[in-house]
Amino acid sequence: MEAYVEAFLNAVSGTFSWTWKSIIFNVPWYLNYFWGLILISLLVWFLEIVFPWRKEQGVFRKDFWLDAFYMFFNFFLFAIAISGIYKMLQVFFQDIGVASNSLALIDISNWPMWGQLLLFFVVLDFVQWFTHTLLHKYAFLWNFHKVHHSVKEMGFAAHLRYHWMENILYKPLKTFGVMILGGFEPEQAYIVHFAAIAIGHFNHSNIKITWGPLKYLFNNPVMHLYHHAYDLPEGTYGVNFGISLSIWDYIFKTNYIPEDSGKVKLGYPGDEDLPKDFLGQAVHGFKPKKK
């Protein structure tokens, strides 16, 4: 038990220390996710202001500051809090003989760096696409995912507005994806992580981009807006589940883009019952439904 407690405390203090060092510019610039997130956010926000798709939408749209808080909470504060739990699980798996390469299907450690990064990006994106479909398909998970879909006006900060329980689901499955690759994360994986942040911000932004023929490969704001549509095609539990890549939706026939005006009602039936404040949303999903 002592080893688990030590692992927990070391992980929490280490993650907190790294975050603080990032804030004061005491880490390599290419690993500084704190200021990197801010820079990407300001850039996409600037483009929203200069090239707005829905021109009637305000610069400080509905719930702008709530979504901004969610960005830092989910990306940093909760990451610090939960890091100890993940480290304890890692120690547990080591104790029972499960190594990081136990599920390895392929060894990419000797591949050229561009190949490592490409496969790493594709595998993790598919894992996230699959996880995303689960959040919509199963009622227990959907109760948490409702927080993300309660956005009524779309903007870049909505990217990281999600219930903290989603971290609990996504992190282990993303770790599973890494284990498939032999437990190996490319040395320059930060390129993939920053790219995912930028693409996610763009996909939630008030900017009209479709990427032309590349729309069949990369997700885009038009496609993702319909993921957040209040009215979904009959018989579906959701559409356009792509995170960075849209190709999974075209492969598995979950793509849906009927038009591109941007005049789409957002949310879901019953979203008026979701608490409007962060604390209320943080405990949402655990309360029994009213009969």
Protein backbone atom coordinates (compact mmCIF):
# COMPACT_ATOMS: atom_id res chain seq x y z
CA MET A 1 0.00 0.00 0.00
CA GLU A 2 2.89 2.34 0.77
CA ALA A 3 4.11 2.06 -2.84
CA TYR A 4 0.67 3.06 -4.14
CA VAL A 5 0.44 6.08 -1.84
CA GLU A 6 3.93 7.17 -2.84
CA ALA A 7 3.10 6.74 -6.54
CA PHE A 8 -0.09 8.80 -6.08
CA LEU A 9 1.64 11.67 -4.28
CA ASN A 10 4.60 11.74 -6.66
CA ALA A 11 2.33 11.84 -9.70
CA VAL A 12 0.14 14.65 -8.36
CA SER A 13 3.09 16.75 -7.20
CA GLY A 14 4.97 16.06 -10.45
CA THR A 15 2.02 17.07 -12.64
CA PHE A 16 1.43 20.19 -10.56
CA SER A 17 5.11 21.10 -10.74
CA TRP A 18 5.20 20.63 -14.53
CA THR A 19 2.08 22.77 -14.95
CA TRP A 20 3.57 25.54 -12.81
CA LYS A 21 6.86 25.39 -14.70
CA SER A 22 4.86 25.68 -17.92
CA ILE A 23 3.14 28.82 -16.63
CA ILE A 24 6.48 30.47 -15.80
CA PHE A 25 8.09 29.33 -19.08
CA ASN A 26 10.45 26.87 -17.37
CA VAL A 27 9.84 23.95 -19.76
CA PRO A 28 10.84 23.52 -23.44
CA TRP A 29 8.55 25.70 -25.58
CA TYR A 30 7.42 22.74 -27.66
CA LEU A 31 6.16 20.97 -24.53
CA ASN A 32 4.44 24.01 -23.03
CA TYR A 33 0.80 23.01 -23.32
CA PHE A 34 -0.37 25.80 -21.03
CA TRP A 35 0.75 28.67 -23.21
CA GLY A 36 0.35 26.55 -26.33
CA LEU A 37 -3.37 26.18 -25.54
CA ILE A 38 -3.68 29.92 -24.97
CA LEU A 39 -1.86 30.76 -28.21
CA ILE A 40 -3.98 28.39 -30.30
CA SER A 41 -7.16 29.67 -28.61
CA LEU A 42 -6.31 33.31 -29.29
CA LEU A 43 -5.45 32.54 -32.91
CA VAL A 44 -8.70 30.69 -33.62
CA TRP A 45 -10.71 33.28 -31.69
CA PHE A 46 -9.11 36.04 -33.79
CA LEU A 47 -10.09 34.19 -36.98
CA GLU A 48 -13.65 33.83 -35.63
CA ILE A 49 -13.82 37.58 -35.12
CA VAL A 50 -12.36 38.45 -38.54
CA PHE A 51 -14.13 35.73 -40.57
CA PRO A 52 -17.37 34.91 -38.69
CA TRP A 53 -19.57 32.26 -40.24
CA ARG A 54 -22.66 33.12 -38.17
CA LYS A 55 -22.37 36.91 -38.23
CA GLU A 56 -25.18 37.43 -35.72
CA GLN A 57 -23.18 35.56 -33.08
CA GLY A 58 -21.39 37.79 -30.59
CA VAL A 59 -17.63 37.88 -30.06
CA PHE A 60 -18.36 36.83 -26.48
CA ARG A 61 -21.00 34.28 -27.39
CA LYS A 62 -23.37 32.60 -24.95
CA ASP A 63 -21.44 30.73 -22.20
CA PHE A 64 -18.08 31.96 -23.55
CA TRP A 65 -16.52 32.35 -20.10
CA LEU A 66 -17.94 29.07 -18.82
CA ASP A 67 -16.36 27.28 -21.77
CA ALA A 68 -13.07 29.13 -21.21
CA PHE A 69 -13.03 27.87 -17.62
CA TYR A 70 -13.74 24.34 -18.83
CA MET A 71 -10.66 24.54 -21.09
CA PHE A 72 -8.31 25.09 -18.18
CA PHE A 73 -10.16 22.84 -15.76
CA ASN A 74 -10.18 19.80 -18.03
CA PHE A 75 -6.75 20.35 -19.52
CA PHE A 76 -4.87 21.20 -16.33
CA LEU A 77 -6.71 21.23 -12.98
CA PHE A 78 -8.44 17.88 -13.40
CA ALA A 79 -5.32 16.42 -15.02
CA ILE A 80 -3.40 17.22 -11.84
CA ALA A 81 -6.10 15.72 -9.62
CA ILE A 82 -6.45 12.48 -11.58
CA SER A 83 -2.78 11.88 -12.38
CA GLY A 84 -2.25 10.08 -9.09
CA ILE A 85 -5.06 7.60 -9.81
CA TYR A 86 -3.59 6.72 -13.20
CA LYS A 87 -0.13 6.25 -11.67
CA MET A 88 -1.56 3.91 -9.02
CA LEU A 89 -3.22 1.87 -11.76
CA GLN A 90 0.08 1.72 -13.62
CA VAL A 91 1.81 0.36 -10.51
CA PHE A 92 -1.03 -2.15 -10.04
CA PHE A 93 -0.70 -3.49 -13.58
CA GLN A 94 3.05 -3.75 -13.15
CA ASP A 95 2.53 -5.75 -9.96
CA ILE A 96 0.29 -8.27 -11.75
CA GLY A 97 2.69 -8.58 -14.66
CA VAL A 98 0.92 -6.47 -17.29
CA ALA A 99 3.56 -4.46 -19.14
CA SER A 100 3.02 -1.50 -21.45
CA ASN A 101 3.78 -3.71 -24.45
CA SER A 102 1.59 -6.64 -23.37
CA LEU A 103 -0.99 -5.89 -26.07
CA ALA A 104 1.47 -4.87 -28.76
CA LEU A 105 0.30 -5.61 -32.30
CA ILE A 106 3.06 -3.67 -34.01
CA ASP A 107 6.46 -2.25 -33.11
CA ILE A 108 6.97 1.23 -34.57
CA SER A 109 10.07 2.17 -32.58
CA ASN A 110 12.32 1.62 -35.61
CA TRP A 111 10.05 3.43 -38.09
CA PRO A 112 11.04 6.85 -39.44
CA MET A 113 9.70 9.63 -37.23
CA TRP A 114 7.07 10.77 -39.74
CA GLY A 115 5.72 7.20 -39.90
CA GLN A 116 5.61 6.92 -36.11
CA LEU A 117 3.74 10.20 -35.78
CA LEU A 118 1.28 9.37 -38.56
CA LEU A 119 0.32 5.95 -37.18
CA PHE A 120 0.21 7.32 -33.63
CA PHE A 121 -2.16 10.07 -34.80
CA VAL A 122 -4.42 7.72 -36.78
CA VAL A 123 -4.65 5.01 -34.07
CA LEU A 124 -5.41 7.48 -31.28
CA ASP A 125 -7.95 9.31 -33.42
CA PHE A 126 -9.80 6.08 -34.19
CA VAL A 127 -9.83 5.16 -30.49
CA GLN A 128 -11.32 8.57 -29.72
CA TRP A 129 -13.87 8.24 -32.53
CA PHE A 130 -14.95 4.86 -31.15
CA THR A 131 -15.10 6.22 -27.59
CA HIS A 132 -17.17 9.14 -28.82
CA THR A 133 -19.74 6.81 -30.36
CA LEU A 134 -20.05 5.03 -27.00
CA LEU A 135 -20.77 8.35 -25.27
CA HIS A 136 -23.79 8.76 -27.55
CA LYS A 137 -24.96 5.16 -27.69
CA TYR A 138 -25.25 4.29 -24.01
CA ALA A 139 -27.55 6.27 -21.72
CA PHE A 140 -25.22 6.19 -18.70
CA LEU A 141 -22.40 7.72 -20.72
CA TRP A 142 -24.70 10.10 -22.60
CA ASN A 143 -25.79 11.63 -19.27
CA PHE A 144 -22.23 12.92 -18.88
CA HIS A 145 -21.73 13.83 -22.53
CA LYS A 146 -24.83 16.03 -22.38
CA VAL A 147 -22.65 18.74 -20.85
CA HIS A 148 -20.72 19.06 -24.10
CA HIS A 149 -23.90 19.04 -26.15
CA SER A 150 -25.56 21.73 -24.05
CA VAL A 151 -23.64 24.35 -26.05
CA LYS A 152 -26.20 26.64 -27.72
CA GLU A 153 -23.77 28.85 -29.68
CA MET A 154 -20.70 27.20 -31.16
CA GLY A 155 -17.22 28.62 -30.68
CA PHE A 156 -13.64 27.40 -30.27
CA ALA A 157 -13.78 27.10 -26.46
CA ALA A 158 -16.66 24.62 -26.72
CA HIS A 159 -14.01 22.10 -27.78
CA LEU A 160 -12.97 21.45 -24.19
CA ARG A 161 -16.35 21.94 -22.53
CA TYR A 162 -17.07 18.42 -21.32
CA HIS A 163 -17.86 16.56 -18.11
CA TRP A 164 -14.83 15.46 -16.12
CA MET A 165 -16.06 11.85 -16.26
CA GLU A 166 -15.20 11.80 -19.97
CA ASN A 167 -11.53 11.98 -18.97
CA ILE A 168 -12.07 8.81 -16.95
CA LEU A 169 -13.25 7.01 -20.08
CA TYR A 170 -10.99 8.53 -22.73
CA LYS A 171 -7.67 8.22 -20.90
CA PRO A 172 -7.68 4.41 -20.39
CA LEU A 173 -8.84 3.79 -23.97
CA LYS A 174 -6.17 6.11 -25.36
CA THR A 175 -3.63 4.25 -23.21
CA PHE A 176 -4.96 1.03 -24.75
CA GLY A 177 -4.26 2.52 -28.18
CA VAL A 178 -0.68 3.26 -27.16
CA MET A 179 -0.29 -0.28 -25.82
CA ILE A 180 -1.32 -1.64 -29.22
CA LEU A 181 1.66 0.27 -30.60
CA GLY A 182 3.93 -1.52 -28.18
CA GLY A 183 3.50 0.99 -25.37
CA PHE A 184 5.53 3.36 -27.49
CA GLU A 185 4.84 7.08 -27.82
CA PRO A 186 6.97 8.83 -30.46
CA GLU A 187 9.58 11.24 -29.17
CA GLN A 188 7.91 14.08 -31.03
CA ALA A 189 4.35 13.12 -30.06
CA TYR A 190 3.80 16.70 -28.92
CA ILE A 191 3.29 17.53 -32.62
CA VAL A 192 0.28 15.20 -32.69
CA HIS A 193 -1.11 16.57 -29.42
CA PHE A 194 -0.86 20.21 -30.54
CA ALA A 195 -2.36 19.33 -33.92
CA ALA A 196 -5.31 17.67 -32.19
CA ILE A 197 -5.91 20.77 -30.05
CA ALA A 198 -5.81 23.05 -33.10
CA ILE A 199 -8.11 20.84 -35.19
CA GLY A 200 -10.56 20.49 -32.29
CA HIS A 201 -10.65 24.27 -31.81
CA PHE A 202 -11.27 24.84 -35.52
CA ASN A 203 -14.01 22.21 -35.64
CA HIS A 204 -15.93 23.98 -32.88
CA SER A 205 -15.23 27.47 -34.19
CA ASN A 206 -17.51 30.03 -35.82
CA ILE A 207 -15.55 29.73 -39.07
CA LYS A 208 -16.78 28.12 -42.26
CA ILE A 209 -14.13 25.68 -43.45
CA THR A 210 -14.73 22.42 -45.31
CA TRP A 211 -11.21 21.69 -46.66
CA GLY A 212 -12.57 20.93 -50.15
CA PRO A 213 -11.88 17.33 -51.24
CA LEU A 214 -10.00 16.81 -47.95
CA LYS A 215 -13.35 16.93 -46.13
CA TYR A 216 -13.47 13.15 -46.55
CA LEU A 217 -10.30 12.92 -44.49
CA PHE A 218 -10.37 15.80 -42.01
CA ASN A 219 -13.21 16.87 -39.77
CA ASN A 220 -14.40 20.47 -40.20
CA PRO A 221 -16.70 23.09 -38.57
CA VAL A 222 -19.57 22.46 -40.99
CA MET A 223 -19.53 18.72 -40.36
CA HIS A 224 -19.14 19.08 -36.62
CA LEU A 225 -21.92 21.65 -36.33
CA TYR A 226 -24.34 18.92 -37.40
CA HIS A 227 -22.91 16.66 -34.72
CA HIS A 228 -24.26 19.24 -32.24
CA ALA A 229 -27.62 19.66 -34.01
CA TYR A 230 -30.75 19.54 -31.86
CA ASP A 231 -32.61 17.54 -34.50
CA LEU A 232 -30.87 14.36 -35.63
CA PRO A 233 -31.76 12.01 -38.50
CA GLU A 234 -34.50 9.63 -37.41
CA GLY A 235 -33.26 6.32 -36.06
CA THR A 236 -29.77 7.55 -35.14
CA TYR A 237 -28.13 8.24 -31.78
CA GLY A 238 -25.78 10.76 -33.37
CA VAL A 239 -23.83 11.67 -36.50
CA ASN A 240 -20.37 12.95 -37.43
CA PHE A 241 -18.48 11.51 -34.46
CA GLY A 242 -15.06 12.35 -35.91
CA ILE A 243 -12.54 14.05 -33.64
CA SER A 244 -9.71 15.10 -35.98
CA LEU A 245 -10.47 12.79 -38.90
CA SER A 246 -13.79 12.49 -40.72
CA ILE A 247 -12.83 9.34 -42.60
CA TRP A 248 -14.21 7.07 -39.86
CA ASP A 249 -17.68 8.57 -40.31
CA TYR A 250 -17.57 8.02 -44.06
CA ILE A 251 -16.32 4.46 -43.59
CA PHE A 252 -18.94 3.54 -40.97
CA LYS A 253 -21.77 5.55 -42.59
CA THR A 254 -22.28 7.99 -39.71
CA ASN A 255 -21.64 11.08 -41.86
CA TYR A 256 -24.41 13.65 -42.28
CA ILE A 257 -24.19 17.15 -43.82
CA PRO A 258 -27.54 18.15 -45.37
CA GLU A 259 -26.53 21.81 -45.99
CA ASP A 260 -23.96 24.38 -44.88
CA SER A 261 -25.79 27.59 -43.93
CA GLY A 262 -24.80 27.34 -40.29
CA LYS A 263 -28.40 28.07 -39.26
CA VAL A 264 -28.72 25.00 -37.09
CA LYS A 265 -30.42 24.76 -33.72
CA LEU A 266 -27.95 23.27 -31.25
CA GLY A 267 -28.44 21.15 -28.16
CA TYR A 268 -30.66 18.15 -27.46
CA PRO A 269 -34.25 17.53 -26.32
CA GLY A 270 -34.44 18.30 -22.61
CA ASP A 271 -31.28 20.45 -22.48
CA GLU A 272 -33.21 23.11 -20.56
CA ASP A 273 -33.03 20.81 -17.53
CA LEU A 274 -29.22 20.77 -17.47
CA PRO A 275 -27.73 23.02 -14.75
CA LYS A 276 -26.30 26.24 -16.19
CA ASP A 277 -23.34 26.54 -13.78
CA PHE A 278 -20.10 24.55 -13.66
CA LEU A 279 -20.67 22.93 -10.26
CA GLY A 280 -24.15 21.82 -11.20
CA GLN A 281 -22.87 20.33 -14.44
CA ALA A 282 -19.96 18.66 -12.63
CA VAL A 283 -22.32 16.47 -10.59
CA HIS A 284 -24.78 15.98 -13.43
CA GLY A 285 -25.09 12.38 -14.51
CA PHE A 286 -24.86 10.94 -11.01
CA LYS A 287 -28.27 12.05 -9.82
CA PRO A 288 -31.14 9.58 -10.37
CA LYS A 289 -33.68 10.65 -12.96
CA LYS A 290 -36.87 12.21 -11.69
CA LYS A 291 -39.89 10.00 -12.21
